[in-house]
Amino acid sequence: MELTPKKINLFTMMKLPSAWVCGVRLKSISAEKATVNVKHRWINQNPFNSMYFAVQAMAAELSTGALVMQAIQETDHKISMLVAENNASFSKKAKGKITFECLDGYLIAEAIKKSIQTKEGQTCWMKSIGKNEDGVVVSEFNFMWTVKLKS
């Protein structure tokens, strides 16, 4: 089964309802890159009239996690995935439509390949950059994903 934005957004609605309600939506995915949009609205605002940081984190994580899910699906193995660590920086108020993009699909594919070869867990840092409609970076998130063959 090919992972598509529609399928992942349905998964989000069923398994991550807070992200769904806040408007987090996967827009595109390929082997190398995933793009997620979220629009500043009343439901996802902070007291300073911009997007709450946790909503940005959900969108950023989905842009990396969708790539992890896709890379796992392309193998014939059962592999667990988990965020072990993350960090973020914020450079501008997030208002309007924010687009998070992760270009690290190749990194997680290599980590999964190594996990299968060595039968040991692997970690992989993946970055997601959030930009507003003017292309200005509003936040950057880094997630350390762990992948491990299931026994």
C-alpha atoms as a PDB file:
ATOM      1  CA  MET A   1       0.000   0.000   0.000  1.00  0.00           C
ATOM      2  CA  GLU A   2       1.477   3.317  -1.092  1.00  0.00           C
ATOM      3  CA  LEU A   3       1.446   6.077   1.506  1.00  0.00           C
ATOM      4  CA  THR A   4      -0.321   9.146   0.172  1.00  0.00           C
ATOM      5  CA  PRO A   5      -1.220  12.449   1.807  1.00  0.00           C
ATOM      6  CA  LYS A   6      -4.868  11.362   1.890  1.00  0.00           C
ATOM      7  CA  LYS A   7      -4.053   8.106   3.715  1.00  0.00           C
ATOM      8  CA  ILE A   8      -1.724   9.770   6.198  1.00  0.00           C
ATOM      9  CA  ASN A   9      -4.238  12.554   6.873  1.00  0.00           C
ATOM     10  CA  LEU A  10      -6.910   9.911   7.544  1.00  0.00           C
ATOM     11  CA  PHE A  11      -4.447   8.204   9.913  1.00  0.00           C
ATOM     12  CA  THR A  12      -3.925  11.579  11.616  1.00  0.00           C
ATOM     13  CA  MET A  13      -7.674  12.051  12.031  1.00  0.00           C
ATOM     14  CA  MET A  14      -8.069   8.603  13.611  1.00  0.00           C
ATOM     15  CA  LYS A  15      -4.867   8.298  15.671  1.00  0.00           C
ATOM     16  CA  LEU A  16      -3.736  11.911  16.288  1.00  0.00           C
ATOM     17  CA  PRO A  17      -7.003  13.817  16.677  1.00  0.00           C
ATOM     18  CA  SER A  18      -5.441  16.868  18.343  1.00  0.00           C
ATOM     19  CA  ALA A  19      -3.225  17.413  15.291  1.00  0.00           C
ATOM     20  CA  TRP A  20      -6.233  16.935  13.014  1.00  0.00           C
ATOM     21  CA  VAL A  21      -8.425  19.401  14.934  1.00  0.00           C
ATOM     22  CA  CYS A  22      -5.608  21.985  14.914  1.00  0.00           C
ATOM     23  CA  GLY A  23      -5.432  21.766  11.100  1.00  0.00           C
ATOM     24  CA  VAL A  24      -2.180  19.844  10.589  1.00  0.00           C
ATOM     25  CA  ARG A  25      -2.254  18.307   7.083  1.00  0.00           C
ATOM     26  CA  LEU A  26       0.329  16.441   5.019  1.00  0.00           C
ATOM     27  CA  LYS A  27       0.423  18.031   1.561  1.00  0.00           C
ATOM     28  CA  SER A  28       3.059  15.975  -0.243  1.00  0.00           C
ATOM     29  CA  ILE A  29       5.456  13.094   0.292  1.00  0.00           C
ATOM     30  CA  SER A  30       8.229  11.488  -1.719  1.00  0.00           C
ATOM     31  CA  ALA A  31      11.170   9.267  -0.804  1.00  0.00           C
ATOM     32  CA  GLU A  32      13.261  12.344   0.049  1.00  0.00           C
ATOM     33  CA  LYS A  33      10.823  14.997   1.225  1.00  0.00           C
ATOM     34  CA  ALA A  34       7.558  15.589   3.060  1.00  0.00           C
ATOM     35  CA  THR A  35       5.589  18.838   3.311  1.00  0.00           C
ATOM     36  CA  VAL A  36       2.996  19.646   5.991  1.00  0.00           C
ATOM     37  CA  ASN A  37       0.776  22.736   6.199  1.00  0.00           C
ATOM     38  CA  VAL A  38      -1.017  24.260   9.169  1.00  0.00           C
ATOM     39  CA  LYS A  39      -2.866  27.560   9.269  1.00  0.00           C
ATOM     40  CA  HIS A  40      -2.999  29.884  12.266  1.00  0.00           C
ATOM     41  CA  ARG A  41      -6.579  29.800  13.564  1.00  0.00           C
ATOM     42  CA  TRP A  42      -8.408  30.396  16.813  1.00  0.00           C
ATOM     43  CA  ILE A  43      -8.130  26.717  17.854  1.00  0.00           C
ATOM     44  CA  ASN A  44      -4.319  26.658  17.589  1.00  0.00           C
ATOM     45  CA  GLN A  45      -3.376  30.139  18.802  1.00  0.00           C
ATOM     46  CA  ASN A  46      -1.387  31.235  21.824  1.00  0.00           C
ATOM     47  CA  PRO A  47      -2.147  34.348  23.950  1.00  0.00           C
ATOM     48  CA  PHE A  48       0.167  36.418  21.705  1.00  0.00           C
ATOM     49  CA  ASN A  49      -2.007  36.009  18.594  1.00  0.00           C
ATOM     50  CA  SER A  50       0.263  33.558  16.811  1.00  0.00           C
ATOM     51  CA  MET A  51       0.414  29.781  16.469  1.00  0.00           C
ATOM     52  CA  TYR A  52       1.041  27.840  19.664  1.00  0.00           C
ATOM     53  CA  PHE A  53       4.470  26.163  19.649  1.00  0.00           C
ATOM     54  CA  ALA A  54       3.007  22.691  20.266  1.00  0.00           C
ATOM     55  CA  VAL A  55       0.949  22.928  17.061  1.00  0.00           C
ATOM     56  CA  GLN A  56       4.112  23.806  15.163  1.00  0.00           C
ATOM     57  CA  ALA A  57       5.777  20.802  16.791  1.00  0.00           C
ATOM     58  CA  MET A  58       2.961  18.495  15.667  1.00  0.00           C
ATOM     59  CA  ALA A  59       3.277  19.706  12.072  1.00  0.00           C
ATOM     60  CA  ALA A  60       7.067  19.462  12.116  1.00  0.00           C
ATOM     61  CA  GLU A  61       6.987  15.976  13.613  1.00  0.00           C
ATOM     62  CA  LEU A  62       4.505  14.789  10.990  1.00  0.00           C
ATOM     63  CA  SER A  63       6.820  15.979   8.211  1.00  0.00           C
ATOM     64  CA  THR A  64       9.601  13.791   9.611  1.00  0.00           C
ATOM     65  CA  GLY A  65       7.427  10.925  10.852  1.00  0.00           C
ATOM     66  CA  ALA A  66       5.692  10.461   7.504  1.00  0.00           C
ATOM     67  CA  LEU A  67       9.107   9.883   5.938  1.00  0.00           C
ATOM     68  CA  VAL A  68       9.946   7.335   8.648  1.00  0.00           C
ATOM     69  CA  MET A  69       6.635   5.514   8.088  1.00  0.00           C
ATOM     70  CA  GLN A  70       7.200   5.457   4.333  1.00  0.00           C
ATOM     71  CA  ALA A  71      10.777   4.177   4.627  1.00  0.00           C
ATOM     72  CA  ILE A  72       9.641   1.407   6.979  1.00  0.00           C
ATOM     73  CA  GLN A  73       6.816   0.434   4.642  1.00  0.00           C
ATOM     74  CA  GLU A  74       9.268   0.030   1.765  1.00  0.00           C
ATOM     75  CA  THR A  75      10.995  -2.805   3.646  1.00  0.00           C
ATOM     76  CA  ASP A  76       9.722  -6.326   4.250  1.00  0.00           C
ATOM     77  CA  HIS A  77      10.388  -5.984   7.975  1.00  0.00           C
ATOM     78  CA  LYS A  78       8.455  -5.012  11.058  1.00  0.00           C
ATOM     79  CA  ILE A  79      10.272  -2.020  12.504  1.00  0.00           C
ATOM     80  CA  SER A  80       9.390   0.113  15.495  1.00  0.00           C
ATOM     81  CA  MET A  81       9.790   3.882  15.402  1.00  0.00           C
ATOM     82  CA  LEU A  82       9.938   6.378  18.242  1.00  0.00           C
ATOM     83  CA  VAL A  83      11.031   9.959  18.828  1.00  0.00           C
ATOM     84  CA  ALA A  84      13.800   9.806  21.453  1.00  0.00           C
ATOM     85  CA  GLU A  85      14.751  13.469  21.561  1.00  0.00           C
ATOM     86  CA  ASN A  86      13.854  16.791  19.990  1.00  0.00           C
ATOM     87  CA  ASN A  87      14.765  20.451  20.047  1.00  0.00           C
ATOM     88  CA  ALA A  88      13.431  23.578  18.411  1.00  0.00           C
ATOM     89  CA  SER A  89      14.190  27.215  17.748  1.00  0.00           C
ATOM     90  CA  PHE A  90      11.706  29.974  16.984  1.00  0.00           C
ATOM     91  CA  SER A  91      12.665  33.060  15.008  1.00  0.00           C
ATOM     92  CA  LYS A  92       9.377  34.795  14.116  1.00  0.00           C
ATOM     93  CA  LYS A  93       5.701  34.735  15.093  1.00  0.00           C
ATOM     94  CA  ALA A  94       3.869  31.994  13.204  1.00  0.00           C
ATOM     95  CA  LYS A  95       0.855  33.656  11.556  1.00  0.00           C
ATOM     96  CA  GLY A  96      -1.055  32.692   8.439  1.00  0.00           C
ATOM     97  CA  LYS A  97      -0.247  29.421   6.680  1.00  0.00           C
ATOM     98  CA  ILE A  98       2.955  27.766   7.871  1.00  0.00           C
ATOM     99  CA  THR A  99       4.611  25.083   5.748  1.00  0.00           C
ATOM    100  CA  PHE A 100       6.957  22.575   7.364  1.00  0.00           C
ATOM    101  CA  GLU A 101       9.320  20.712   5.090  1.00  0.00           C
ATOM    102  CA  CYS A 102      11.684  17.844   5.841  1.00  0.00           C
ATOM    103  CA  LEU A 103      14.268  16.852   3.228  1.00  0.00           C
ATOM    104  CA  ASP A 104      15.856  13.998   5.209  1.00  0.00           C
ATOM    105  CA  GLY A 105      14.178  10.919   3.731  1.00  0.00           C
ATOM    106  CA  TYR A 106      17.545   9.571   2.637  1.00  0.00           C
ATOM    107  CA  LEU A 107      18.887   9.739   6.220  1.00  0.00           C
ATOM    108  CA  ILE A 108      16.129   7.615   7.713  1.00  0.00           C
ATOM    109  CA  ALA A 109      16.308   5.148   4.814  1.00  0.00           C
ATOM    110  CA  GLU A 110      20.017   4.626   5.612  1.00  0.00           C
ATOM    111  CA  ALA A 111      19.307   4.202   9.337  1.00  0.00           C
ATOM    112  CA  ILE A 112      16.618   1.602   8.606  1.00  0.00           C
ATOM    113  CA  LYS A 113      18.919  -0.238   6.190  1.00  0.00           C
ATOM    114  CA  LYS A 114      21.645  -0.327   8.846  1.00  0.00           C
ATOM    115  CA  SER A 115      19.176  -1.520  11.491  1.00  0.00           C
ATOM    116  CA  ILE A 116      18.118  -4.394   9.252  1.00  0.00           C
ATOM    117  CA  GLN A 117      21.744  -5.324   8.475  1.00  0.00           C
ATOM    118  CA  THR A 118      23.019  -5.149  12.060  1.00  0.00           C
ATOM    119  CA  LYS A 119      19.774  -6.183  13.796  1.00  0.00           C
ATOM    120  CA  GLU A 120      20.438  -3.315  16.223  1.00  0.00           C
ATOM    121  CA  GLY A 121      18.496  -0.142  16.894  1.00  0.00           C
ATOM    122  CA  GLN A 122      19.631   2.982  15.073  1.00  0.00           C
ATOM    123  CA  THR A 123      19.052   6.688  15.573  1.00  0.00           C
ATOM    124  CA  CYS A 124      18.637   9.419  13.015  1.00  0.00           C
ATOM    125  CA  TRP A 125      18.301  13.187  13.431  1.00  0.00           C
ATOM    126  CA  MET A 126      15.793  14.744  11.028  1.00  0.00           C
ATOM    127  CA  LYS A 127      15.150  18.479  10.563  1.00  0.00           C
ATOM    128  CA  SER A 128      11.908  20.211   9.673  1.00  0.00           C
ATOM    129  CA  ILE A 129      11.873  23.889   8.768  1.00  0.00           C
ATOM    130  CA  GLY A 130       8.689  25.943   9.093  1.00  0.00           C
ATOM    131  CA  LYS A 131       8.186  28.929   6.802  1.00  0.00           C
ATOM    132  CA  ASN A 132       5.386  31.449   6.489  1.00  0.00           C
ATOM    133  CA  GLU A 133       3.677  32.409   3.232  1.00  0.00           C
ATOM    134  CA  ASP A 134       6.458  34.908   2.483  1.00  0.00           C
ATOM    135  CA  GLY A 135       9.081  32.155   2.729  1.00  0.00           C
ATOM    136  CA  VAL A 136      10.447  33.491   6.023  1.00  0.00           C
ATOM    137  CA  VAL A 137      11.609  30.825   8.498  1.00  0.00           C
ATOM    138  CA  VAL A 138       9.484  30.950  11.659  1.00  0.00           C
ATOM    139  CA  SER A 139      10.792  27.819  13.386  1.00  0.00           C
ATOM    140  CA  GLU A 140      13.129  24.863  13.021  1.00  0.00           C
ATOM    141  CA  PHE A 141      12.640  21.502  14.698  1.00  0.00           C
ATOM    142  CA  ASN A 142      15.021  18.556  15.032  1.00  0.00           C
ATOM    143  CA  PHE A 143      13.761  15.083  15.935  1.00  0.00           C
ATOM    144  CA  MET A 144      15.924  12.115  16.852  1.00  0.00           C
ATOM    145  CA  TRP A 145      14.062   9.066  15.555  1.00  0.00           C
ATOM    146  CA  THR A 146      14.965   5.590  16.745  1.00  0.00           C
ATOM    147  CA  VAL A 147      14.239   2.587  14.556  1.00  0.00           C
ATOM    148  CA  LYS A 148      14.600  -1.031  15.586  1.00  0.00           C
ATOM    149  CA  LEU A 149      13.640  -4.403  14.160  1.00  0.00           C
ATOM    150  CA  LYS A 150      10.767  -5.951  16.092  1.00  0.00           C
ATOM    151  CA  SER A 151      11.431  -9.423  17.446  1.00  0.00           C
END
